[in-house]
Amino acid sequence: MTRHPGFRAAPAAVSHPSAESGGPAVDWAALRRVLVVRLDNLGDVVLTGPMIRAVRAVLAPDATLDVLVSPGGAAVAPLLPGVDGVLPVRAVWQDASAAMPQDPARELELVERMRGYDAVIISTSFSQSPWPAAYAAYLAGVGVRVGQSREFGGSLLTHWVLPAADDEQAHQVDRSLRMVAAAGVPSAGAGLELRPPDPSVSQPSRLTGDYVLLAPGASAPSRRYGDFTAVTRALRRAGLRVYVVGTDGERALVEQVSGGVDGLIGELDVPALAAVVAGAQLVVTNNSGCLHLADALGTPSVVLFAGTEHLAQYAPRAGHATVLSRPVTCSPCRAFTCPYQQECLDVPASQVVGAVLARLGRAALPTDKGVAA
């Protein structure tokens, strides 16, 4: 295997990278091409931003930093400062549907796409494994391979970082920053950041003036608050302009929540969605990608956070969010569907509306104009 210029061999006394607190020293400034891997959802890619910023800061100015991401993550990755190129891939080991074709040629192609990189940094949640991506990078001849896991994976990672004791509750931003710190990359700040949306990005022409944006969808039904319709009606009675956003697959949900008025169904790609989020007075969202877009873009939000995950792992960081949920003994369940009528999201619509109005500095609705059932 060809060693890149930044690789320094471990001392002879060290039998495995894990014995040296993350692996041998790396001259990051000598690397020419670095690949960051994050293969799950859009929001997870946004949360990888602080780690990318840290890595970018230790590379030479003319070095290349690319990201290997899922098709969903590929839509937001270009908005992350420090990213040069985006490689989308649907990785078989991240597929939850068990419906991907059995095609080894796809995985061999992934190995080829990794060739020529000096280092690969694999970002995962605590429940995901870095070892499949590490194996592909090993086969591609990548000299520095950084990942974090409690599992043993032999020498596939040159920098095998053991998670901290609080790993199951550590925020995703902090988890990834700890990982690269163990490989010699100091933090450059933990705040989320996106490139300002391009003013030329195409947006619906009717979306003008002040507005509140509702995002009732989520990748899993268990994370979808069930009373967005009542919230929409009440906010409109309060005199607010409300737009409801969703994908083509969420058409029925958006039509129901919006009442057929001001629904943005499949009209926005991710850059346009970011622009709409940035322009909103406030965003009401589940624990979904819009949560992290609003957090990174500085837009106030009210978040309906399901008990599927520890709040500490994904909580908004910037201080302009109100998080609503209900404590339940079954949390975190990490389930796609809930067998218990979503008790963790049993938040009255009136409480959601009150949180929105409070964030906007507006008076609460009079009792006779309260939230209708």
Foldseek 3Di string as FASTA:
>chain_A
DDAAPFDDDDPPVDPAQVVQQFADAGQLQRFAEEEEEDEDAQQLLLQCLQVLVLSLVRYHVNHAYAYEYAPRNQLQNVQRPNHDYYHHDNDPQPDPVVPDDPDVVSLVVVLVVLAPGQEYAYQDAQPDDPQVVLQSNVSNVHNAYFDEYPDDDDHSHNTYHYFDPCRQQAASNVRSQSRVVSRPGHGPDSAGATHQQDPPPDDPPVPDDAAEEEEQDAPFPLQGQDPLQLLLLLVVLVVHHYAYEDEQVCVVVQCNSNVNPRYHYNVDRVSRVLNSLLRYQEYEYTLHNSLSSNLRSVHAYEYEYAQLGNCSHRPRDNPRYHYDWADDPCGNVVDRDDPPVRNRRPDDSLVVNVVVCVSVVHDRDPPVSTGDD
